[in-house]
Structures are given as structure tokens and as C-alpha cells.
Amino acid sequence: SMNHTTVVEFVLLGLTGSRHLEIILFLFLAIAYFLILLGNTAVISITLGNHILQTPMYYFLRNFALLEITFTSTFIPSTLYSLLTERKMISLPGCFLQMLLFFYLGACTFFHVATMSFDRYVAICCPLHYTTIMNNRFCLQQVLACWTVSFLLMFPPTIMIVQLPFCGPNIMNHFYCDTSLLLQLSCTDTGFIEVLMLIIIIIIIPGTLIVTAVSYGCIIISILHIPSSTGRKKAFSTCSAHLIVVTIFYSTSIYRYIRREQRGGQDSDKVLSFFFSVVTQMLNPYIYSLRNNQVKQALKESMLKAFSSSQR
């Protein structure tokens, strides 16, 4: 079928057609990307360099930070380049590669969120058994499972999509190569791939949501049994911040990819995609990690050491 392919590149219309809005969006996206890189790099370096933070929770947060950097780097740099230069084209291989990485790393993000919520459930609801359950081997197995299962789920449909013929048109109303839009542009029947993708998405999004919701539900019940009102308030403050980010992430993802008319192409789809792929990624390191007192203390100590060294 690849012998019949006439399309050699796709046109990504981007976030907006207005040049003035493109400049504003470029500035916002550049700041957002900088904050994502800064926040997640800080989380990785602080949790690696401080012996107090060598616990399962920070191990998962460190892996999650690395995942966020790689995930956002699959599309934000190219989107920034497009906004700056007004060049909207992406090659056929480049589009396929971006699609694979975006959805592979995106799927991995959902599994990591569920894994971190399970870790918090064990820590709060089963504190006496925490070190036994969340041992180093089990933590490593969980992280490897997130990466491996995500790849095994996303690789087969990607191979099928790569083999599809594309005869034109070649215009996508999006800022990255979206699977549903690619399927619409193919000049052959894609019904089987669409059903397969929907099944995979249902496994990934609602599947991990159930684990996350049950974990946080048990955590909230445990918090309600804390006798100290100060302790309850502190725990709810942390939990509510996590839940806000998780709610934005899951609600926008579900509405974008699991609905009756989910083929995409509308401006509202770009807004939803922007929220779960940029906004939540920007908030995650500051909500999950940098608000934590232990992390703030470690960061303060690192800055004091750096300042002392510079004064010598």
C-alpha cells in the first residue's frame, strides 16, 4: 500500500490562524515548556542528590518527571518552531514518529499516575506494611511495567497506521500528529484500526482511572479518621491539589478520546489536547513534588550549598 502513497508531508494548522494570537501562544508555550523542564529537572536532581529522599514515593516522582520531559519534548519544540516561523509542514516519517512517541509516552503517563496513587494508598492506608510491599524490586517492576505495557499497547496500531496509503488531502486541524485525524486522511478503510484504538484507549484511560479513583477514595476515607483537625487539613490540602490535576488530566483526555463523535478536527479538540498535554504537565512537578516540605527543604539546602561554594 505504501507504493500508492502520494502524500509526502502533512500540514498542521496549529493552535490558531491569527498571527497576533500565535505570538501570544508562542510566549505562553515557551514559558510553559521552560517551567516543565525547570520543575522536572529540579525534581530529578533533588531526589537523586538527597539521601533522605531515597524512598519509593520519590523514586516514582523521579521517573514521572523524566517521563514528563520526554513526553512534552515530542511536540512542544516543533509547535514552538511552527508558531515562530509559520512553517506548518511535517514530513510523513516525522508525523508517524511524533504520533508513536506522543501516544506511547502519553499512555505511560496514565499508568504512572495510577502507580503513584497506589503508592500513596499503601503509604497512608497500610503504613505498617509499606516498606514490605513497596520494596525496591516491586517499585522497579512497576515502573518497567508502565513502560513495557504502554509500548505493547501502542506499537501494533502504529505499525498498521504507518502502512496505510495517504493520497490527499493532507491538512490536519491540530498542533501535533493526532491518530484520529491521520485515520481520516487515509484513502482506505480504517474501521478495524479505529475499533482497535478505541479498545486500547478504554484499557488505558478508564482502566487507570479506576485504580487512581479507588486509591484516592481510600486515602480520603483514611484522612477522615485522622483525630487531629490540623492533620486532616494538611492531608486534605495535599490530596485536593493532586485531585485537581488528576481531574483536569482525565476529564479532558476522556472527552477528547472517548466519546461518540471522537474523530476530532474541531477547534475544541485542540483546546482539550492543550490542557492535558501542556497545562497539566506544567502543574505536575509543582503539585506532586515541589510543594512537599521534604523537597522544599532539600532544595533550600542545595541552594545554600551552591551559594556557599560560589562565595569561596
Foldseek 3Di string as FASTA:
>chain_A
DQVQAPDFKFFACAQDDDLVVLVVVLVVLVVLLVLLLVLLVLLQVLLVPDPVNPDLLSVLSNLLSVLLNQLLVLFSVVNSVCSVVVGGMDGLVSQLVSQLSNQLSVLLNLLSLLVSLVLVLCCLVVVVCNCVCSPPVVSVVSNVCSNVVSCVLRVVLSVVLSPFHAHDDRYAHARGNHPLRSCVRGPDDCVVSLVSVLVSLCCRQVVSVVSNVVSLVSNLVSLVPPPDPVSSVVSCVLSVLSVVLVCLQRVLSCVQCPDPPNSDRDSVSRVSCCRNSRVSSSCVSVSSPVVDPVSVVSVVVVVVVVVVVVVD
